[in-house]
Protein backbone atom coordinates (compact mmCIF):
# COMPACT_ATOMS: atom_id res chain seq x y z
CA UNK A 1 -28.68 8.49 53.50
CA UNK A 2 -26.84 5.22 53.74
CA UNK A 3 -27.77 4.22 50.19
CA UNK A 4 -26.73 7.59 48.80
CA UNK A 5 -23.37 7.46 50.52
CA UNK A 6 -22.76 3.94 49.15
CA UNK A 7 -23.50 5.12 45.61
CA UNK A 8 -21.15 8.06 45.91
CA UNK A 9 -18.41 5.84 47.33
CA UNK A 10 -18.84 3.33 44.50
CA UNK A 11 -18.71 6.13 41.92
CA UNK A 12 -15.47 7.43 43.42
CA UNK A 13 -13.94 3.94 43.39
CA UNK A 14 -15.14 2.85 39.97
CA UNK A 15 -14.55 4.18 36.45
CA UNK A 16 -17.00 6.99 35.59
CA UNK A 17 -19.42 6.15 32.79
CA UNK A 18 -18.06 9.01 30.66
CA UNK A 19 -14.47 7.71 30.98
CA UNK A 20 -15.55 4.18 30.11
CA UNK A 21 -17.46 5.49 27.09
CA UNK A 22 -14.41 7.46 25.98
CA UNK A 23 -12.21 4.37 26.20
CA UNK A 24 -14.68 2.25 24.21
CA UNK A 25 -14.95 4.93 21.53
CA UNK A 26 -11.15 5.13 21.27
CA UNK A 27 -10.74 1.34 20.99
CA UNK A 28 -13.48 0.94 18.39
CA UNK A 29 -12.27 4.00 16.51
CA UNK A 30 -8.66 2.79 16.44
CA UNK A 31 -9.83 -0.62 15.21
CA UNK A 32 -11.93 0.88 12.40
CA UNK A 33 -9.09 3.19 11.39
CA UNK A 34 -6.57 0.31 11.34
CA UNK A 35 -8.80 -1.84 9.15
CA UNK A 36 -9.44 1.12 6.84
CA UNK A 37 -5.72 1.79 6.50
CA UNK A 38 -5.09 -1.91 5.90
CA UNK A 39 -7.58 -1.84 3.02
CA UNK A 40 -6.24 1.49 1.70
CA UNK A 41 -4.08 -0.08 -1.08
CA UNK A 42 -7.34 -0.99 -2.84
CA UNK A 43 -8.05 2.71 -3.48
CA UNK A 44 -5.21 3.42 -5.97
CA UNK A 45 -5.24 -0.15 -7.29
CA UNK A 46 -8.96 -0.51 -8.00
CA UNK A 47 -10.50 2.95 -8.00
CA UNK A 48 -14.20 2.72 -7.15
CA UNK A 49 -14.79 -0.76 -5.71
CA UNK A 50 -16.41 -2.33 -2.67
CA UNK A 51 -13.03 -2.68 -0.95
CA UNK A 52 -11.88 0.87 -1.69
CA UNK A 53 -15.19 2.39 -0.56
CA UNK A 54 -15.06 0.29 2.60
CA UNK A 55 -11.48 1.44 3.23
CA UNK A 56 -12.45 5.12 3.07
CA UNK A 57 -15.65 4.60 5.07
CA UNK A 58 -13.89 2.74 7.89
CA UNK A 59 -11.08 5.29 8.05
CA UNK A 60 -13.58 8.16 8.31
CA UNK A 61 -15.70 6.35 10.91
CA UNK A 62 -12.55 5.53 12.88
CA UNK A 63 -11.42 9.16 12.94
CA UNK A 64 -14.89 10.34 13.98
CA UNK A 65 -15.07 7.80 16.82
CA UNK A 66 -11.59 8.72 18.02
CA UNK A 67 -12.61 12.37 18.00
CA UNK A 68 -15.76 11.59 19.98
CA UNK A 69 -13.71 9.55 22.44
CA UNK A 70 -11.27 12.42 23.01
CA UNK A 71 -14.18 14.83 23.42
CA UNK A 72 -15.94 12.54 25.89
CA UNK A 73 -12.81 12.16 28.01
CA UNK A 74 -12.11 15.89 27.95
CA UNK A 75 -15.62 16.70 29.18
CA UNK A 76 -15.21 14.64 32.36
CA UNK A 77 -14.29 16.43 35.55
CA UNK A 78 -11.37 14.10 36.18
CA UNK A 79 -8.02 15.70 35.51
CA UNK A 80 -6.47 12.26 34.94
CA UNK A 81 -8.89 11.52 32.08
CA UNK A 82 -8.02 14.81 30.40
CA UNK A 83 -4.29 14.28 30.77
CA UNK A 84 -4.33 10.67 29.60
CA UNK A 85 -6.74 10.82 26.68
CA UNK A 86 -4.14 12.13 24.21
CA UNK A 87 -1.40 9.56 24.95
CA UNK A 88 -3.96 6.74 25.19
CA UNK A 89 -5.43 7.67 21.80
CA UNK A 90 -1.98 7.81 20.18
CA UNK A 91 -0.96 4.43 21.65
CA UNK A 92 -4.20 2.73 20.62
CA UNK A 93 -4.00 4.06 17.06
CA UNK A 94 -0.31 3.12 16.75
CA UNK A 95 -0.75 -0.40 18.14
CA UNK A 96 -3.86 -1.07 16.06
CA UNK A 97 -2.21 0.25 12.90
CA UNK A 98 1.04 -1.66 13.40
CA UNK A 99 -0.71 -4.94 14.19
CA UNK A 100 -4.27 -5.26 12.86
CA UNK A 101 -3.55 -2.82 10.02
CA UNK A 102 -0.60 -4.92 8.84
CA UNK A 103 -2.58 -8.14 9.18
CA UNK A 104 -5.43 -6.75 7.05
CA UNK A 105 -3.01 -5.41 4.42
CA UNK A 106 -1.24 -8.79 4.23
CA UNK A 107 -4.38 -10.91 3.91
CA UNK A 108 -6.98 -8.68 2.25
CA UNK A 109 -4.84 -6.66 -0.14
CA UNK A 110 -5.55 -6.01 -3.83
CA UNK A 111 -4.51 -8.34 -6.65
CA UNK A 112 -1.12 -7.12 -7.96
CA UNK A 113 -1.28 -6.48 -11.75
CA UNK A 114 1.18 -8.27 -14.03
CA UNK A 115 2.05 -5.46 -16.40
CA UNK A 116 3.16 -5.62 -20.03
CA UNK A 117 6.77 -6.83 -19.82
CA UNK A 118 7.63 -10.45 -20.57
CA UNK A 119 10.91 -12.40 -20.85
CA UNK A 120 11.00 -11.31 -24.48
CA UNK A 121 11.57 -7.79 -23.16
CA UNK A 122 15.03 -8.92 -22.01
CA UNK A 123 15.72 -11.11 -25.06
CA UNK A 124 14.64 -14.48 -23.62
CA UNK A 125 12.73 -17.22 -25.39
CA UNK A 126 9.93 -18.48 -23.17
CA UNK A 127 6.59 -20.24 -22.98
CA UNK A 128 3.51 -19.69 -20.85
CA UNK A 129 2.94 -22.34 -18.20
CA UNK A 130 0.42 -23.01 -15.47
CA UNK A 131 0.62 -24.91 -12.20
CA UNK A 132 -2.13 -26.10 -9.91
CA UNK A 133 -1.65 -26.24 -6.15
CA UNK A 134 -2.82 -29.04 -3.90
CA UNK A 135 -5.70 -26.83 -2.72
CA UNK A 136 -6.83 -26.19 -6.29
CA UNK A 137 -5.43 -22.71 -7.04
CA UNK A 138 -4.21 -22.08 -10.60
CA UNK A 139 -0.86 -20.31 -10.81
CA UNK A 140 0.44 -18.60 -13.94
CA UNK A 141 4.04 -18.38 -15.04
CA UNK A 142 6.66 -18.21 -17.76
CA UNK A 143 9.30 -20.82 -18.40
CA UNK A 144 12.69 -20.12 -19.98
CA UNK A 145 14.18 -23.48 -21.08
CA UNK A 146 17.36 -24.91 -19.57
CA UNK A 147 20.54 -25.53 -21.53
CA UNK A 148 22.58 -27.09 -18.70
CA UNK A 149 20.08 -29.66 -17.35
CA UNK A 150 19.26 -27.62 -14.21
CA UNK A 151 16.42 -25.21 -13.45
CA UNK A 152 15.20 -22.88 -10.73
CA UNK A 153 11.90 -21.39 -9.66
CA UNK A 154 12.26 -17.61 -9.39
CA UNK A 155 10.04 -16.22 -6.61
CA UNK A 156 9.01 -12.57 -6.37
CA UNK A 157 8.38 -10.44 -3.28
CA UNK A 158 5.16 -9.18 -1.72
CA UNK A 159 3.02 -6.84 -3.79
CA UNK A 160 4.99 -7.60 -6.97
CA UNK A 161 4.87 -10.18 -9.77
CA UNK A 162 7.07 -12.30 -12.01
CA UNK A 163 7.51 -9.32 -14.37
CA UNK A 164 9.61 -7.63 -11.66
CA UNK A 165 12.21 -10.42 -11.85
CA UNK A 166 13.14 -10.30 -15.53
CA UNK A 167 16.66 -9.02 -14.87
CA UNK A 168 17.26 -11.93 -12.49
CA UNK A 169 15.80 -14.36 -15.02
CA UNK A 170 18.15 -13.04 -17.71
CA UNK A 171 21.20 -13.35 -15.41
CA UNK A 172 20.34 -16.97 -14.56
CA UNK A 173 19.41 -17.93 -18.12
CA UNK A 174 22.74 -16.63 -19.43
CA UNK A 175 24.39 -19.27 -17.25
CA UNK A 176 22.25 -22.01 -18.75
CA UNK A 177 19.66 -22.47 -16.01
CA UNK A 178 16.04 -23.03 -16.85
CA UNK A 179 13.97 -20.38 -15.11
CA UNK A 180 10.34 -20.73 -14.03
CA UNK A 181 8.95 -17.33 -13.11
CA UNK A 182 5.73 -17.97 -11.22
CA UNK A 183 3.21 -15.51 -9.83
CA UNK A 184 2.30 -16.28 -6.22
CA UNK A 185 -1.43 -16.71 -5.66
CA UNK A 186 -3.31 -13.44 -5.77
CA UNK A 187 -0.55 -11.81 -7.83
CA UNK A 188 -0.20 -11.19 -11.56
CA UNK A 189 -1.91 -13.87 -13.63
CA UNK A 190 -2.48 -16.29 -10.76
CA UNK A 191 -5.83 -16.94 -9.15
CA UNK A 192 -6.48 -17.03 -5.41
CA UNK A 193 -6.22 -14.58 -2.58
CA UNK A 194 -2.98 -12.69 -1.83
CA UNK A 195 -1.03 -13.50 1.31
CA UNK A 196 1.84 -11.03 1.63
CA UNK A 197 3.58 -12.84 4.48
CA UNK A 198 4.15 -15.84 2.22
CA UNK A 199 2.26 -18.41 4.28
CA UNK A 200 1.12 -20.20 1.11
CA UNK A 201 4.71 -20.56 -0.07
CA UNK A 202 5.03 -24.30 0.54
CA UNK A 203 1.86 -25.05 -1.45
CA UNK A 204 2.67 -22.68 -4.31
CA UNK A 205 6.29 -23.77 -4.68
CA UNK A 206 5.46 -27.46 -4.48
CA UNK A 207 3.20 -26.90 -7.50
CA UNK A 208 6.04 -25.04 -9.25
CA UNK A 209 8.46 -27.90 -8.59
CA UNK A 210 5.83 -30.31 -10.01
CA UNK A 211 6.07 -28.37 -13.27
CA UNK A 212 9.87 -28.50 -13.42
CA UNK A 213 9.89 -32.20 -12.51
CA UNK A 214 8.03 -32.98 -15.76
CA UNK A 215 10.34 -31.00 -18.05
CA UNK A 216 12.49 -33.03 -20.41
CA UNK A 217 15.23 -30.38 -20.32
CA UNK A 218 15.62 -30.66 -16.52
CA UNK A 219 17.55 -33.58 -15.10
CA UNK A 220 16.36 -35.37 -11.98
CA UNK A 221 17.79 -33.83 -8.81
CA UNK A 222 18.68 -30.51 -10.45
CA UNK A 223 15.91 -28.23 -9.24
CA UNK A 224 16.58 -25.17 -7.09
CA UNK A 225 14.81 -22.03 -5.87
CA UNK A 226 15.81 -18.38 -6.03
CA UNK A 227 13.63 -15.92 -4.13
CA UNK A 228 13.63 -12.27 -3.18
CA UNK A 229 12.12 -10.85 0.03
CA UNK A 230 8.83 -12.73 0.58
CA UNK A 231 9.89 -15.05 -2.24
CA UNK A 232 13.15 -15.72 -0.42
CA UNK A 233 11.27 -16.64 2.73
CA UNK A 234 9.01 -18.93 0.70
CA UNK A 235 12.10 -20.51 -0.87
CA UNK A 236 13.59 -21.29 2.54
CA UNK A 237 10.32 -22.85 3.68
CA UNK A 238 9.98 -24.95 0.53
CA UNK A 239 13.60 -26.11 0.78
CA UNK A 240 12.81 -27.45 4.22
CA UNK A 241 9.55 -29.17 3.20
CA UNK A 242 10.19 -30.54 -0.31
CA UNK A 243 13.14 -32.89 -0.73
CA UNK A 244 13.01 -32.53 -4.53
CA UNK A 245 14.45 -29.05 -4.07
CA UNK A 246 18.22 -29.46 -3.93
CA UNK A 247 19.22 -25.88 -3.03
CA UNK A 248 17.85 -22.39 -2.47
CA UNK A 249 19.03 -18.80 -2.72
CA UNK A 250 17.12 -16.33 -0.55
CA UNK A 251 17.82 -12.62 -0.86
CA UNK A 252 16.40 -10.14 1.63
CA UNK A 253 14.67 -12.84 3.69
CA UNK A 254 13.96 -11.72 7.25
CA UNK A 255 10.76 -13.04 8.83
CA UNK A 256 7.26 -14.38 8.30
CA UNK A 257 6.33 -15.47 11.84
CA UNK A 258 7.04 -13.98 15.27
CA UNK A 259 9.83 -16.34 16.29
CA UNK A 260 11.84 -15.41 13.19
CA UNK A 261 12.67 -12.28 15.19
CA UNK A 262 13.81 -14.06 18.34
CA UNK A 263 17.15 -12.29 17.91
CA UNK A 264 15.55 -8.90 18.61
CA UNK A 265 15.48 -9.18 22.41
CA UNK A 266 19.15 -10.08 22.59
CA UNK A 267 20.14 -7.32 20.15
CA UNK A 268 17.83 -4.50 21.31
CA UNK A 269 16.76 -5.39 24.85
CA UNK A 270 13.44 -3.84 25.87
CA UNK A 271 12.88 -2.34 22.41
CA UNK A 272 13.28 -5.78 20.91
CA UNK A 273 10.89 -7.29 23.44
CA UNK A 274 8.26 -4.66 22.60
CA UNK A 275 8.69 -5.31 18.89
CA UNK A 276 8.18 -9.04 19.43
CA UNK A 277 5.04 -8.29 21.43
CA UNK A 278 3.68 -6.25 18.51
CA UNK A 279 4.64 -9.05 16.13
CA UNK A 280 2.71 -11.59 18.18
CA UNK A 281 -0.37 -9.40 17.91
CA UNK A 282 0.20 -8.91 14.18
CA UNK A 283 0.63 -12.58 13.34
CA UNK A 284 -2.14 -13.57 15.75
CA UNK A 285 -4.54 -11.29 13.87
CA UNK A 286 -3.18 -12.59 10.57
CA UNK A 287 -3.89 -16.16 11.60
CA UNK A 288 -7.53 -15.20 12.19
CA UNK A 289 -7.86 -13.56 8.77
CA UNK A 290 -6.38 -16.25 6.50
CA UNK A 291 -7.03 -19.97 5.97
CA UNK A 292 -3.29 -20.47 5.69
CA UNK A 293 -1.63 -21.59 8.90
CA UNK A 294 1.59 -20.04 10.21
CA UNK A 295 4.61 -21.81 8.66
CA UNK A 296 7.70 -23.00 10.55
CA UNK A 297 10.37 -20.45 11.33
CA UNK A 298 12.98 -19.77 8.65
CA UNK A 299 15.67 -21.06 10.99
CA UNK A 300 13.78 -24.33 11.53
CA UNK A 301 13.23 -24.75 7.78
CA UNK A 302 16.92 -24.19 7.05
CA UNK A 303 17.82 -26.79 9.66
CA UNK A 304 15.25 -29.27 8.32
CA UNK A 305 16.73 -28.91 4.82
CA UNK A 306 20.29 -29.81 5.85
CA UNK A 307 22.55 -30.99 4.33
CA UNK A 308 20.93 -29.44 1.25
CA UNK A 309 22.52 -25.99 0.96
CA UNK A 310 21.04 -22.52 1.37
CA UNK A 311 22.63 -19.22 0.31
CA UNK A 312 21.35 -16.18 2.18
CA UNK A 313 21.98 -12.86 0.44
CA UNK A 314 21.64 -9.97 2.89
CA UNK A 315 22.13 -6.28 2.23
CA UNK A 316 25.35 -5.30 4.00
CA UNK A 317 23.82 -1.90 4.75
CA UNK A 318 20.76 -3.31 6.55
CA UNK A 319 21.38 -4.24 10.18
CA UNK A 320 18.07 -6.13 10.31
CA UNK A 321 18.85 -8.22 7.23
CA UNK A 322 22.32 -9.06 8.49
CA UNK A 323 21.05 -10.03 11.95
CA UNK A 324 18.21 -12.11 10.49
CA UNK A 325 20.55 -13.92 8.09
CA UNK A 326 23.00 -14.78 10.85
CA UNK A 327 20.16 -15.97 13.08
CA UNK A 328 18.82 -18.26 10.34
CA UNK A 329 22.30 -19.56 9.53
CA UNK A 330 22.94 -20.41 13.19
CA UNK A 331 20.27 -23.10 12.90
CA UNK A 332 22.46 -25.04 10.46
CA UNK A 333 25.94 -23.54 10.12
CA UNK A 334 27.21 -26.43 7.99
CA UNK A 335 24.61 -25.99 5.23
CA UNK A 336 23.86 -22.25 5.24
CA UNK A 337 26.12 -19.61 3.71
CA UNK A 338 25.64 -15.87 4.21
CA UNK A 339 26.74 -13.33 1.64
CA UNK A 340 26.68 -9.70 2.80
CA UNK A 341 26.05 -8.06 -0.55
CA UNK A 342 26.16 -4.49 -1.84
CA UNK A 343 22.95 -2.63 -2.60
CA UNK A 344 19.76 -2.16 -0.65
CA UNK A 345 16.94 -4.60 -0.01
CA UNK A 346 16.99 -7.17 -2.88
CA UNK A 347 19.27 -4.78 -4.78
CA UNK A 348 22.43 -6.89 -5.09
CA UNK A 349 21.99 -7.66 -8.79
CA UNK A 350 21.44 -4.00 -9.67
CA UNK A 351 24.37 -2.88 -7.51
CA UNK A 352 26.85 -5.56 -8.57
CA UNK A 353 25.55 -7.59 -11.53
CA UNK A 354 28.76 -9.48 -12.27
CA UNK A 355 29.34 -10.35 -8.61
CA UNK A 356 25.72 -11.48 -8.14
CA UNK A 357 25.84 -13.67 -11.25
CA UNK A 358 29.19 -15.16 -10.24
CA UNK A 359 28.27 -15.90 -6.61
CA UNK A 360 24.76 -17.16 -7.21
CA UNK A 361 25.79 -19.07 -10.33
CA UNK A 362 28.69 -20.80 -8.60
CA UNK A 363 26.49 -21.76 -5.64
CA UNK A 364 23.82 -23.25 -7.91
CA UNK A 365 26.41 -25.01 -10.08
CA UNK A 366 27.84 -26.80 -7.05
CA UNK A 367 24.49 -27.59 -5.47
CA UNK A 368 22.79 -28.79 -8.67
CA UNK A 369 25.76 -30.64 -10.12
CA UNK A 370 26.39 -28.39 -13.13
CA UNK A 371 29.81 -28.79 -14.71
CA UNK A 372 31.47 -25.80 -16.34
């Protein structure tokens, strides 16, 4: 009698086996689904491949496990388990998707194809070039020669390639700048594994600057960077770490580590705090999935680069871009300029081509010592 009463009391106090099983099934299911969704870009990009099959398989297994978890919780006699299973399942799937799913997509994504367009498509004379990073990765690019003694590396965003920046290359070349359009590793013609948060930016851009430093048409001390989105964040990081870079223009740069969003809590209160918590989980998972280590914050890199100048181009219609640009600039107000530009994310050139060319050109002229 005594033993039986103790067992019943323990069962009432503890978590029933069926509820524990339901929770485990939900956690494992949400994890599988998140990884499957993170690998999902391989399906349209590669068709039938190991990665695309794995993406579909994991997504299906995840959904089945989540369904079994909901069923297991619903079959318990506890009203609380029945009432909570739906919200718990939704929260687990959302958190896993927003954190682990993003980390997988950023570190295990497909190789972005280059496409058929070249600088010749926009009337530019160019040559094929290659660069090799300090860790041995071969990067492919095009170089449009300089006519004013200065040159820039043009850096594309995540999931894209150098062929997406031909309009920007044409605008810069018309002003006399040499333009090196380089595919980030894992993109276009470059080897290596993609990293869509730009954590390899310092290594890749140091190799790009090595190429420009050997060019006879580029004068010493006249090398700059122009980057969009992820490329803009890489440009800020490289400006802070490589003193050969004399200036950088970063358009649509917002964040690549958690502390880049330190402004969120002040701006959004609890919502901002929750977003930062999700970001810590995202970048923590990312750190486990890539050999690249987390880079310094954009604000710290801008401060480390001072007095070398940085122009931040933020979409005036994007509250996040504006807040991020002002937060970065606050780290070094004397060396960072913010331009609130027309157009959407990285769309200033398309929205206002003459204004973009004039503002960016004038900034680079002054920073790289180009006389007009």
